[in-house]
């Protein structure tokens, strides 16, 4: 049986949200994930290649994955709201996947701006089981919310990330509460240039580290 791929239109707080639901390549889902994309004012969409690789890596380990476009991106209605409204958009996506897969553990993931959205939402939602933050942008000063995420936090960072330099990310990571994990991917820039396969392999390994049912 071919895996389920479904285009969705979710009712968001600022209008309809474009979304894409994809089940694993093989077998029934064992975890449900919402994946958040990079900054909408800098070309970020749910089809960003780093986001796509994040979603595919998770699907290969048994996740059903819901990607979506924030308000004002492509077919999603509304306008950019500085991260707060985008967090609420992610909450809508989370509620959708909770409703569809009520018995599965929940994961939030995101790249760049999306990693901030995922971590902020995880700081507010007790049902989240773990979070993957790829390309976390340390150059953004406001990040107190990360200290309130007490579930496993997996940071995946390029060794040459211009928005989350190695020294800055390392210093920040060491201040965070456990449980936490940090993987470095030797890559040329923030977007894991010339290292997307290695990046996706890390995502697959993290996906397979879920707690046994």
N, C-alpha and C. Protein backbone atom coordinates (compact mmCIF):
# COMPACT_ATOMS: atom_id res chain seq x y z
N UNK A 1 0.85 -1.20 0.00
CA UNK A 1 0.00 0.00 0.00
C UNK A 1 0.88 1.24 0.00
N UNK A 2 0.64 2.21 -0.91
CA UNK A 2 1.45 3.43 -0.93
C UNK A 2 1.21 4.25 0.34
N UNK A 3 2.25 4.96 0.77
CA UNK A 3 2.10 5.76 1.98
C UNK A 3 1.13 6.92 1.74
N UNK A 4 0.52 7.33 2.82
CA UNK A 4 -0.48 8.40 2.73
C UNK A 4 0.20 9.76 2.65
N UNK A 5 -0.17 10.53 1.65
CA UNK A 5 0.25 11.92 1.50
C UNK A 5 -1.01 12.75 1.29
N UNK A 6 -1.23 13.73 2.14
CA UNK A 6 -2.48 14.50 2.08
C UNK A 6 -2.20 15.99 2.20
N UNK A 7 -2.71 16.75 1.26
CA UNK A 7 -2.66 18.21 1.35
C UNK A 7 -3.82 18.69 2.21
N UNK A 8 -3.53 19.56 3.16
CA UNK A 8 -4.55 20.02 4.11
C UNK A 8 -4.69 21.53 4.06
N UNK A 9 -5.85 21.99 4.48
CA UNK A 9 -6.10 23.41 4.69
C UNK A 9 -6.64 23.54 6.12
N UNK A 10 -5.81 24.04 7.02
CA UNK A 10 -6.16 24.12 8.43
C UNK A 10 -6.73 25.49 8.78
N UNK A 11 -7.63 25.52 9.72
CA UNK A 11 -8.22 26.78 10.16
C UNK A 11 -7.31 27.42 11.21
N UNK A 12 -6.51 28.40 10.79
CA UNK A 12 -5.59 29.06 11.70
C UNK A 12 -6.17 30.33 12.29
N UNK A 13 -5.50 30.92 13.27
CA UNK A 13 -6.01 32.12 13.93
C UNK A 13 -6.05 33.34 13.02
N UNK A 14 -5.28 33.32 11.90
CA UNK A 14 -5.29 34.45 10.96
C UNK A 14 -5.83 34.03 9.60
N UNK A 15 -6.49 32.88 9.53
CA UNK A 15 -7.03 32.39 8.27
C UNK A 15 -6.54 30.99 7.98
N UNK A 16 -6.79 30.53 6.77
CA UNK A 16 -6.43 29.17 6.39
C UNK A 16 -4.91 29.00 6.31
N UNK A 17 -4.46 27.81 6.74
CA UNK A 17 -3.05 27.47 6.70
C UNK A 17 -2.84 26.29 5.76
N UNK A 18 -1.93 26.44 4.83
CA UNK A 18 -1.56 25.37 3.91
C UNK A 18 -0.68 24.36 4.65
N UNK A 19 -0.97 23.07 4.49
CA UNK A 19 -0.21 22.05 5.22
C UNK A 19 -0.09 20.78 4.38
N UNK A 20 0.85 19.94 4.76
CA UNK A 20 1.09 18.68 4.06
C UNK A 20 1.36 17.60 5.10
N UNK A 21 0.56 16.55 5.06
CA UNK A 21 0.69 15.42 5.98
C UNK A 21 1.27 14.23 5.23
N UNK A 22 2.32 13.63 5.77
CA UNK A 22 2.95 12.47 5.12
C UNK A 22 3.22 11.38 6.16
N UNK A 23 2.71 10.19 5.87
CA UNK A 23 2.96 9.05 6.73
C UNK A 23 4.29 8.38 6.35
N UNK A 24 4.79 7.48 7.19
CA UNK A 24 6.08 6.82 6.90
C UNK A 24 6.03 6.01 5.61
N UNK A 25 7.21 5.78 5.07
CA UNK A 25 7.33 4.97 3.86
C UNK A 25 6.87 3.53 4.10
N UNK A 26 7.19 3.00 5.28
CA UNK A 26 6.89 1.60 5.59
C UNK A 26 6.23 1.49 6.95
N UNK A 27 5.12 0.75 7.01
CA UNK A 27 4.50 0.46 8.29
C UNK A 27 3.64 1.58 8.84
N UNK A 28 2.98 1.27 9.93
CA UNK A 28 2.12 2.25 10.61
C UNK A 28 2.98 3.25 11.38
N UNK A 29 2.51 4.50 11.52
CA UNK A 29 3.28 5.50 12.27
C UNK A 29 3.45 5.10 13.73
N UNK A 30 4.61 5.44 14.29
CA UNK A 30 4.87 5.17 15.71
C UNK A 30 5.10 6.46 16.49
N UNK A 31 5.16 7.60 15.80
CA UNK A 31 5.36 8.91 16.42
C UNK A 31 4.78 9.95 15.48
N UNK A 32 4.30 11.05 16.02
CA UNK A 32 3.68 12.11 15.21
C UNK A 32 4.48 13.39 15.38
N UNK A 33 4.87 13.99 14.26
CA UNK A 33 5.75 15.16 14.30
C UNK A 33 5.15 16.33 13.54
N UNK A 34 5.37 17.53 14.08
CA UNK A 34 5.11 18.77 13.37
C UNK A 34 6.45 19.43 13.11
N UNK A 35 6.71 19.81 11.86
CA UNK A 35 7.99 20.40 11.48
C UNK A 35 7.77 21.84 11.00
N UNK A 36 8.55 22.76 11.56
CA UNK A 36 8.38 24.19 11.32
C UNK A 36 9.49 24.73 10.41
N UNK A 37 9.13 25.61 9.49
CA UNK A 37 10.07 26.08 8.48
C UNK A 37 10.78 27.38 8.87
N UNK A 38 11.79 27.79 8.08
CA UNK A 38 12.57 29.00 8.40
C UNK A 38 11.77 30.29 8.25
N UNK A 39 12.46 31.38 8.43
CA UNK A 39 11.83 32.70 8.51
C UNK A 39 11.03 33.04 7.25
N UNK A 40 9.76 33.37 7.41
CA UNK A 40 8.92 33.66 6.24
C UNK A 40 9.32 34.92 5.49
N UNK A 41 10.02 35.83 6.14
CA UNK A 41 10.43 37.06 5.47
C UNK A 41 11.77 36.92 4.75
N UNK A 42 12.32 35.72 4.81
CA UNK A 42 13.59 35.46 4.12
C UNK A 42 13.46 34.24 3.22
N UNK A 43 12.26 34.03 2.70
CA UNK A 43 12.05 32.96 1.74
C UNK A 43 11.74 31.60 2.31
N UNK A 44 11.55 31.51 3.61
CA UNK A 44 11.27 30.22 4.24
C UNK A 44 9.88 29.69 3.92
N UNK A 45 9.81 28.42 3.54
CA UNK A 45 8.53 27.73 3.34
C UNK A 45 8.68 26.29 3.82
N UNK A 46 7.57 25.57 3.83
CA UNK A 46 7.61 24.17 4.26
C UNK A 46 8.35 23.29 3.25
N UNK A 47 8.65 23.83 2.08
CA UNK A 47 9.38 23.07 1.06
C UNK A 47 10.88 23.37 1.07
N UNK A 48 11.35 24.16 2.03
CA UNK A 48 12.78 24.40 2.20
C UNK A 48 13.50 23.06 2.26
N UNK A 49 14.67 22.96 1.63
CA UNK A 49 15.35 21.66 1.51
C UNK A 49 15.79 21.09 2.85
N UNK A 50 16.16 21.94 3.81
CA UNK A 50 16.55 21.44 5.12
C UNK A 50 15.33 20.91 5.88
N UNK A 51 14.21 21.60 5.73
CA UNK A 51 12.95 21.16 6.33
C UNK A 51 12.50 19.85 5.70
N UNK A 52 12.59 19.77 4.38
CA UNK A 52 12.21 18.55 3.68
C UNK A 52 13.04 17.36 4.17
N UNK A 53 14.36 17.57 4.29
CA UNK A 53 15.23 16.48 4.76
C UNK A 53 14.91 16.11 6.21
N UNK A 54 14.57 17.08 7.03
CA UNK A 54 14.17 16.80 8.40
C UNK A 54 12.92 15.92 8.41
N UNK A 55 11.94 16.31 7.62
CA UNK A 55 10.69 15.53 7.55
C UNK A 55 10.95 14.13 7.00
N UNK A 56 11.73 14.02 5.95
CA UNK A 56 11.98 12.71 5.35
C UNK A 56 12.77 11.79 6.28
N UNK A 57 13.77 12.36 6.95
CA UNK A 57 14.54 11.57 7.90
C UNK A 57 13.66 11.01 9.01
N UNK A 58 12.74 11.81 9.51
CA UNK A 58 11.82 11.35 10.54
C UNK A 58 10.86 10.30 10.01
N UNK A 59 10.35 10.50 8.80
CA UNK A 59 9.44 9.50 8.22
C UNK A 59 10.11 8.15 8.08
N UNK A 60 11.37 8.16 7.75
CA UNK A 60 12.10 6.91 7.57
C UNK A 60 12.26 6.13 8.87
N UNK A 61 12.04 6.79 10.01
CA UNK A 61 12.12 6.08 11.29
C UNK A 61 10.73 5.82 11.87
N UNK A 62 9.68 6.07 11.09
CA UNK A 62 8.34 5.72 11.54
C UNK A 62 7.46 6.87 11.96
N UNK A 63 7.89 8.11 11.73
CA UNK A 63 7.06 9.27 12.07
C UNK A 63 6.06 9.58 10.96
N UNK A 64 4.86 9.98 11.36
CA UNK A 64 3.99 10.71 10.45
C UNK A 64 4.32 12.19 10.67
N UNK A 65 4.49 12.93 9.59
CA UNK A 65 4.99 14.30 9.69
C UNK A 65 4.01 15.29 9.06
N UNK A 66 3.72 16.34 9.80
CA UNK A 66 2.89 17.43 9.30
C UNK A 66 3.77 18.67 9.15
N UNK A 67 3.94 19.11 7.90
CA UNK A 67 4.59 20.39 7.61
C UNK A 67 3.50 21.40 7.26
N UNK A 68 3.77 22.67 7.45
CA UNK A 68 2.77 23.70 7.17
C UNK A 68 3.48 25.00 6.84
N UNK A 69 2.76 25.88 6.18
CA UNK A 69 3.26 27.23 5.92
C UNK A 69 2.65 28.20 6.92
N UNK A 70 3.49 29.02 7.54
CA UNK A 70 2.99 30.05 8.44
C UNK A 70 2.06 31.01 7.69
N UNK A 71 1.33 31.77 8.45
CA UNK A 71 0.47 32.83 7.91
C UNK A 71 1.23 33.70 6.91
N UNK A 72 0.60 33.95 5.77
CA UNK A 72 1.19 34.82 4.76
C UNK A 72 2.19 34.16 3.84
N UNK A 73 2.43 32.87 4.00
CA UNK A 73 3.40 32.16 3.15
C UNK A 73 2.65 31.30 2.14
N UNK A 74 2.95 31.50 0.87
CA UNK A 74 2.29 30.77 -0.22
C UNK A 74 0.77 30.84 -0.08
N UNK A 75 0.09 29.71 0.12
CA UNK A 75 -1.38 29.73 0.17
C UNK A 75 -1.93 30.01 1.56
N UNK A 76 -1.09 30.16 2.56
CA UNK A 76 -1.57 30.45 3.91
C UNK A 76 -1.98 31.92 4.03
N UNK A 77 -3.11 32.16 4.64
CA UNK A 77 -3.65 33.51 4.78
C UNK A 77 -3.02 34.24 5.97
N UNK A 78 -3.13 35.56 5.95
CA UNK A 78 -2.62 36.37 7.05
C UNK A 78 -1.31 37.04 6.70
N UNK A 79 -0.71 37.67 7.71
CA UNK A 79 0.56 38.37 7.53
C UNK A 79 1.51 38.02 8.67
N UNK A 80 2.80 38.21 8.42
CA UNK A 80 3.85 37.89 9.39
C UNK A 80 3.57 38.57 10.73
N UNK A 81 3.84 37.85 11.84
CA UNK A 81 3.49 38.36 13.15
C UNK A 81 4.64 38.23 14.15
N UNK A 82 5.88 38.35 13.67
CA UNK A 82 7.02 38.45 14.57
C UNK A 82 7.34 37.24 15.40
N UNK A 83 6.81 36.09 15.05
CA UNK A 83 7.09 34.86 15.79
C UNK A 83 5.98 34.43 16.71
N UNK A 84 5.24 35.39 17.27
CA UNK A 84 4.16 35.03 18.19
C UNK A 84 3.00 34.38 17.44
N UNK A 85 2.55 35.02 16.36
CA UNK A 85 1.48 34.45 15.57
C UNK A 85 1.90 33.14 14.92
N UNK A 86 3.17 33.05 14.51
CA UNK A 86 3.67 31.83 13.89
C UNK A 86 3.68 30.67 14.89
N UNK A 87 3.92 30.99 16.16
CA UNK A 87 3.83 29.96 17.20
C UNK A 87 2.39 29.45 17.30
N UNK A 88 1.43 30.35 17.19
CA UNK A 88 0.03 29.93 17.23
C UNK A 88 -0.33 29.11 16.00
N UNK A 89 0.26 29.44 14.85
CA UNK A 89 0.04 28.61 13.66
C UNK A 89 0.56 27.19 13.90
N UNK A 90 1.73 27.09 14.52
CA UNK A 90 2.30 25.78 14.83
C UNK A 90 1.42 25.02 15.81
N UNK A 91 0.79 25.74 16.72
CA UNK A 91 -0.11 25.10 17.69
C UNK A 91 -1.32 24.49 16.97
N UNK A 92 -1.81 25.18 15.95
CA UNK A 92 -2.92 24.64 15.15
C UNK A 92 -2.49 23.33 14.48
N UNK A 93 -1.29 23.33 13.92
CA UNK A 93 -0.77 22.12 13.29
C UNK A 93 -0.62 21.00 14.31
N UNK A 94 -0.16 21.34 15.50
CA UNK A 94 -0.02 20.35 16.56
C UNK A 94 -1.38 19.76 16.94
N UNK A 95 -2.38 20.61 17.09
CA UNK A 95 -3.72 20.12 17.45
C UNK A 95 -4.26 19.19 16.35
N UNK A 96 -3.96 19.52 15.10
CA UNK A 96 -4.44 18.69 14.00
C UNK A 96 -3.84 17.29 14.07
N UNK A 97 -2.55 17.22 14.30
CA UNK A 97 -1.92 15.90 14.31
C UNK A 97 -2.27 15.13 15.58
N UNK A 98 -2.50 15.86 16.69
CA UNK A 98 -2.98 15.20 17.91
C UNK A 98 -4.35 14.57 17.68
N UNK A 99 -5.21 15.29 16.99
CA UNK A 99 -6.55 14.79 16.74
C UNK A 99 -6.53 13.57 15.82
N UNK A 100 -5.65 13.59 14.83
CA UNK A 100 -5.59 12.49 13.87
C UNK A 100 -4.89 11.25 14.42
N UNK A 101 -3.93 11.47 15.31
CA UNK A 101 -3.13 10.35 15.84
C UNK A 101 -3.07 10.47 17.37
N UNK A 102 -4.21 10.31 18.04
CA UNK A 102 -4.27 10.61 19.48
C UNK A 102 -3.43 9.69 20.36
N UNK A 103 -3.04 8.54 19.85
CA UNK A 103 -2.31 7.58 20.68
C UNK A 103 -0.79 7.63 20.48
N UNK A 104 -0.33 8.50 19.59
CA UNK A 104 1.10 8.54 19.29
C UNK A 104 1.83 9.60 20.11
N UNK A 105 3.08 9.32 20.51
CA UNK A 105 3.90 10.38 21.14
C UNK A 105 4.16 11.50 20.15
N UNK A 106 4.40 12.70 20.67
CA UNK A 106 4.51 13.90 19.83
C UNK A 106 5.94 14.44 19.81
N UNK A 107 6.33 14.87 18.63
CA UNK A 107 7.64 15.48 18.42
C UNK A 107 7.44 16.80 17.70
N UNK A 108 8.21 17.81 18.09
CA UNK A 108 8.27 19.07 17.35
C UNK A 108 9.66 19.23 16.78
N UNK A 109 9.73 19.67 15.53
CA UNK A 109 11.01 19.92 14.91
C UNK A 109 10.96 21.21 14.12
N UNK A 110 12.13 21.77 13.87
CA UNK A 110 12.16 22.99 13.07
C UNK A 110 13.57 23.35 12.69
N UNK A 111 13.67 24.14 11.64
CA UNK A 111 14.97 24.62 11.16
C UNK A 111 15.02 26.14 11.24
N UNK A 112 16.14 26.66 11.80
CA UNK A 112 16.40 28.09 11.87
C UNK A 112 15.29 28.80 12.68
N UNK A 113 14.63 29.79 12.12
CA UNK A 113 13.47 30.41 12.78
C UNK A 113 12.50 29.33 13.26
N UNK A 114 12.33 28.29 12.46
CA UNK A 114 11.43 27.20 12.84
C UNK A 114 11.87 26.45 14.07
N UNK A 115 13.19 26.41 14.34
CA UNK A 115 13.65 25.76 15.56
C UNK A 115 13.23 26.58 16.79
N UNK A 116 13.21 27.89 16.63
CA UNK A 116 12.74 28.75 17.72
C UNK A 116 11.24 28.55 17.95
N UNK A 117 10.48 28.45 16.87
CA UNK A 117 9.04 28.23 17.01
C UNK A 117 8.78 26.90 17.71
N UNK A 118 9.48 25.86 17.29
CA UNK A 118 9.29 24.53 17.88
C UNK A 118 9.63 24.54 19.37
N UNK A 119 10.73 25.15 19.72
CA UNK A 119 11.13 25.19 21.14
C UNK A 119 10.19 26.06 21.97
N UNK A 120 9.74 27.17 21.40
CA UNK A 120 8.79 28.01 22.13
C UNK A 120 7.49 27.26 22.39
N UNK A 121 6.99 26.58 21.37
CA UNK A 121 5.75 25.83 21.55
C UNK A 121 5.95 24.69 22.55
N UNK A 122 7.10 24.03 22.50
CA UNK A 122 7.38 22.95 23.45
C UNK A 122 7.44 23.46 24.89
N UNK A 123 7.84 24.71 25.07
CA UNK A 123 7.88 25.29 26.41
C UNK A 123 6.49 25.54 26.97
N UNK A 124 5.48 25.52 26.08
CA UNK A 124 4.11 25.83 26.47
C UNK A 124 3.18 24.61 26.48
N UNK A 125 3.59 23.54 25.83
CA UNK A 125 2.73 22.38 25.63
C UNK A 125 3.29 21.16 26.35
N UNK A 126 2.59 20.69 27.36
CA UNK A 126 3.10 19.59 28.17
C UNK A 126 3.06 18.25 27.47
N UNK A 127 2.31 18.15 26.38
CA UNK A 127 2.17 16.86 25.69
C UNK A 127 3.35 16.51 24.81
N UNK A 128 4.26 17.45 24.56
CA UNK A 128 5.36 17.21 23.65
C UNK A 128 6.36 16.25 24.29
N UNK A 129 6.79 15.25 23.49
CA UNK A 129 7.74 14.27 24.00
C UNK A 129 9.19 14.63 23.79
N UNK A 130 9.48 15.32 22.68
CA UNK A 130 10.86 15.73 22.40
C UNK A 130 10.87 16.75 21.27
N UNK A 131 12.03 17.43 21.12
CA UNK A 131 12.15 18.53 20.16
C UNK A 131 13.47 18.40 19.41
N UNK A 132 13.42 18.64 18.09
CA UNK A 132 14.63 18.71 17.27
C UNK A 132 14.78 20.15 16.78
N UNK A 133 15.91 20.77 17.12
CA UNK A 133 16.19 22.15 16.72
C UNK A 133 17.39 22.16 15.79
N UNK A 134 17.14 22.32 14.51
CA UNK A 134 18.22 22.34 13.51
C UNK A 134 18.57 23.78 13.17
N UNK A 135 19.85 24.09 13.13
CA UNK A 135 20.28 25.44 12.77
C UNK A 135 19.73 26.51 13.69
N UNK A 136 19.83 26.29 15.00
CA UNK A 136 19.29 27.26 15.97
C UNK A 136 20.05 28.58 15.85
N UNK A 137 19.34 29.70 15.62
CA UNK A 137 20.01 30.99 15.40
C UNK A 137 20.33 31.71 16.71
N UNK A 138 21.55 31.57 17.17
CA UNK A 138 21.94 32.19 18.44
C UNK A 138 22.06 33.70 18.35
N UNK A 139 22.11 34.24 17.14
CA UNK A 139 22.24 35.69 16.98
C UNK A 139 20.96 36.43 17.40
N UNK A 140 19.87 35.69 17.59
CA UNK A 140 18.63 36.28 18.12
C UNK A 140 18.71 36.22 19.63
N UNK A 141 18.65 37.36 20.28
CA UNK A 141 18.93 37.44 21.71
C UNK A 141 17.85 36.78 22.57
N UNK A 142 16.60 36.91 22.18
CA UNK A 142 15.50 36.45 23.02
C UNK A 142 15.35 34.94 22.90
N UNK A 143 15.67 34.23 23.99
CA UNK A 143 15.59 32.77 23.96
C UNK A 143 15.38 32.16 25.34
N UNK A 144 14.86 32.96 26.27
CA UNK A 144 14.63 32.46 27.63
C UNK A 144 13.67 31.26 27.65
N UNK A 145 12.78 31.22 26.67
CA UNK A 145 11.79 30.13 26.64
C UNK A 145 12.44 28.75 26.52
N UNK A 146 13.65 28.68 25.96
CA UNK A 146 14.31 27.38 25.78
C UNK A 146 14.61 26.75 27.14
N UNK A 147 14.83 27.56 28.16
CA UNK A 147 15.14 27.03 29.49
C UNK A 147 13.92 26.36 30.14
N UNK A 148 12.77 26.55 29.54
CA UNK A 148 11.55 25.94 30.08
C UNK A 148 11.14 24.69 29.31
N UNK A 149 12.01 24.21 28.45
CA UNK A 149 11.76 22.96 27.72
C UNK A 149 12.52 21.86 28.45
N UNK A 150 11.79 20.97 29.11
CA UNK A 150 12.41 19.95 29.96
C UNK A 150 12.34 18.55 29.38
N UNK A 151 11.86 18.44 28.16
CA UNK A 151 11.89 17.16 27.45
C UNK A 151 13.18 17.09 26.65
N UNK A 152 13.55 15.93 26.10
CA UNK A 152 14.78 15.84 25.32
C UNK A 152 14.82 16.86 24.18
N UNK A 153 15.94 17.59 24.13
CA UNK A 153 16.17 18.63 23.12
C UNK A 153 17.36 18.20 22.27
N UNK A 154 17.13 18.02 20.98
CA UNK A 154 18.20 17.60 20.07
C UNK A 154 18.57 18.79 19.18
N UNK A 155 19.77 19.32 19.39
CA UNK A 155 20.26 20.40 18.55
C UNK A 155 21.15 19.80 17.46
N UNK A 156 20.90 20.21 16.22
CA UNK A 156 21.70 19.75 15.08
C UNK A 156 22.20 21.01 14.37
N UNK A 157 23.51 21.19 14.35
CA UNK A 157 24.07 22.47 13.90
C UNK A 157 25.21 22.26 12.90
N UNK A 158 25.24 23.10 11.89
CA UNK A 158 26.36 23.13 10.96
C UNK A 158 27.59 23.67 11.68
N UNK A 159 28.76 23.13 11.33
CA UNK A 159 30.00 23.62 11.91
C UNK A 159 30.36 25.01 11.42
N UNK A 160 29.69 25.46 10.36
CA UNK A 160 29.96 26.81 9.82
C UNK A 160 28.67 27.59 9.68
N UNK A 161 27.87 27.56 10.74
CA UNK A 161 26.59 28.26 10.73
C UNK A 161 26.81 29.74 11.04
N UNK A 162 26.51 30.58 10.07
CA UNK A 162 26.75 32.02 10.26
C UNK A 162 25.73 32.67 11.19
N UNK A 163 24.59 32.03 11.40
CA UNK A 163 23.56 32.58 12.29
C UNK A 163 23.57 31.93 13.67
N UNK A 164 24.27 30.83 13.79
CA UNK A 164 24.44 30.15 15.08
C UNK A 164 25.85 29.62 15.16
N UNK A 165 26.85 30.51 15.26
CA UNK A 165 28.25 30.09 15.25
C UNK A 165 28.56 29.06 16.33
N UNK A 166 29.54 28.21 16.05
CA UNK A 166 29.84 27.08 16.93
C UNK A 166 30.11 27.53 18.36
N UNK A 167 30.90 28.57 18.54
CA UNK A 167 31.23 29.01 19.89
C UNK A 167 29.99 29.49 20.63
N UNK A 168 29.14 30.25 19.95
CA UNK A 168 27.92 30.77 20.57
C UNK A 168 26.96 29.64 20.93
N UNK A 169 26.76 28.71 19.99
CA UNK A 169 25.82 27.61 20.23
C UNK A 169 26.32 26.71 21.35
N UNK A 170 27.62 26.45 21.37
CA UNK A 170 28.19 25.60 22.43
C UNK A 170 27.99 26.23 23.80
N UNK A 171 28.27 27.52 23.90
CA UNK A 171 28.11 28.22 25.18
C UNK A 171 26.65 28.18 25.63
N UNK A 172 25.73 28.45 24.72
CA UNK A 172 24.31 28.43 25.06
C UNK A 172 23.86 27.02 25.45
N UNK A 173 24.28 26.04 24.67
CA UNK A 173 23.87 24.65 24.93
C UNK A 173 24.27 24.21 26.33
N UNK A 174 25.46 24.58 26.76
CA UNK A 174 25.94 24.14 28.07
C UNK A 174 25.13 24.73 29.22
N UNK A 175 24.41 25.82 28.98
CA UNK A 175 23.59 26.42 30.04
C UNK A 175 22.20 25.81 30.14
N UNK A 176 21.82 24.98 29.18
CA UNK A 176 20.45 24.46 29.14
C UNK A 176 20.28 23.27 30.06
N UNK A 177 19.05 23.08 30.57
CA UNK A 177 18.79 21.93 31.42
C UNK A 177 18.79 20.63 30.62
N UNK A 178 19.12 19.55 31.29
CA UNK A 178 18.98 18.23 30.69
C UNK A 178 17.49 17.88 30.59
N UNK A 179 17.14 16.92 29.74
CA UNK A 179 17.99 16.18 28.80
C UNK A 179 18.23 16.98 27.52
N UNK A 180 19.44 16.85 26.99
CA UNK A 180 19.80 17.62 25.80
C UNK A 180 20.87 16.86 25.03
N UNK A 181 20.94 17.12 23.74
CA UNK A 181 21.90 16.46 22.85
C UNK A 181 22.33 17.50 21.81
N UNK A 182 23.58 17.39 21.36
CA UNK A 182 24.09 18.30 20.35
C UNK A 182 24.91 17.53 19.33
N UNK A 183 24.52 17.64 18.06
CA UNK A 183 25.25 17.03 16.96
C UNK A 183 25.77 18.11 16.04
N UNK A 184 27.04 18.01 15.67
CA UNK A 184 27.64 18.91 14.70
C UNK A 184 27.73 18.22 13.35
N UNK A 185 27.33 18.92 12.31
CA UNK A 185 27.43 18.40 10.95
C UNK A 185 28.46 19.25 10.20
N UNK A 186 29.56 18.66 9.75
CA UNK A 186 30.53 19.43 8.98
C UNK A 186 29.89 19.91 7.67
N UNK A 187 29.59 21.18 7.60
CA UNK A 187 28.88 21.75 6.46
C UNK A 187 29.43 23.14 6.18
N UNK A 188 29.07 23.69 5.02
CA UNK A 188 29.65 24.96 4.60
C UNK A 188 28.93 26.19 5.12
N UNK A 189 27.65 26.02 5.49
CA UNK A 189 26.90 27.19 5.94
C UNK A 189 25.68 26.77 6.76
N UNK A 190 24.88 27.75 7.11
CA UNK A 190 23.66 27.57 7.90
C UNK A 190 22.71 26.55 7.29
N UNK A 191 22.71 26.47 5.97
CA UNK A 191 21.79 25.60 5.25
C UNK A 191 22.36 24.21 4.98
N UNK A 192 23.42 23.85 5.71
CA UNK A 192 24.06 22.53 5.59
C UNK A 192 24.49 22.26 4.15
N UNK A 193 25.00 23.30 3.50
CA UNK A 193 25.41 23.16 2.10
C UNK A 193 26.50 22.10 1.96
N UNK A 194 26.32 21.25 0.96
CA UNK A 194 27.21 20.12 0.66
C UNK A 194 27.28 19.10 1.78
N UNK A 195 26.27 19.09 2.66
CA UNK A 195 26.25 18.11 3.76
C UNK A 195 24.83 17.67 4.09
N UNK A 196 23.90 17.83 3.17
CA UNK A 196 22.51 17.49 3.47
C UNK A 196 22.33 15.99 3.73
N UNK A 197 23.11 15.16 3.06
CA UNK A 197 23.00 13.72 3.33
C UNK A 197 23.45 13.39 4.75
N UNK A 198 24.56 14.00 5.17
CA UNK A 198 25.05 13.78 6.53
C UNK A 198 24.06 14.32 7.56
N UNK A 199 23.49 15.48 7.26
CA UNK A 199 22.46 16.06 8.14
C UNK A 199 21.27 15.12 8.27
N UNK A 200 20.78 14.62 7.15
CA UNK A 200 19.62 13.74 7.19
C UNK A 200 19.93 12.45 7.94
N UNK A 201 21.16 11.96 7.83
CA UNK A 201 21.56 10.76 8.57
C UNK A 201 21.49 11.00 10.08
N UNK A 202 21.87 12.20 10.51
CA UNK A 202 21.76 12.54 11.94
C UNK A 202 20.29 12.56 12.36
N UNK A 203 19.44 13.14 11.52
CA UNK A 203 18.01 13.17 11.82
C UNK A 203 17.45 11.76 11.95
N UNK A 204 17.85 10.88 11.04
CA UNK A 204 17.39 9.50 11.11
C UNK A 204 17.85 8.83 12.41
N UNK A 205 19.09 9.08 12.80
CA UNK A 205 19.56 8.49 14.05
C UNK A 205 18.76 9.00 15.25
N UNK A 206 18.51 10.31 15.26
CA UNK A 206 17.71 10.88 16.35
C UNK A 206 16.31 10.29 16.33
N UNK A 207 15.71 10.20 15.14
CA UNK A 207 14.38 9.62 15.05
C UNK A 207 14.31 8.24 15.64
N UNK A 208 15.35 7.44 15.44
CA UNK A 208 15.37 6.08 15.97
C UNK A 208 15.66 5.98 17.44
N UNK A 209 15.96 7.11 18.10
CA UNK A 209 16.28 7.10 19.53
C UNK A 209 15.07 7.30 20.42
N UNK A 210 13.88 7.27 19.85
CA UNK A 210 12.68 7.45 20.67
C UNK A 210 12.59 6.38 21.74
N UNK A 211 11.93 6.73 22.83
CA UNK A 211 11.76 5.78 23.92
C UNK A 211 10.88 4.61 23.46
N UNK A 212 11.19 3.38 23.88
CA UNK A 212 10.35 2.25 23.49
C UNK A 212 8.94 2.39 24.04
N UNK A 213 7.97 1.93 23.25
CA UNK A 213 6.56 2.03 23.68
C UNK A 213 6.30 1.12 24.86
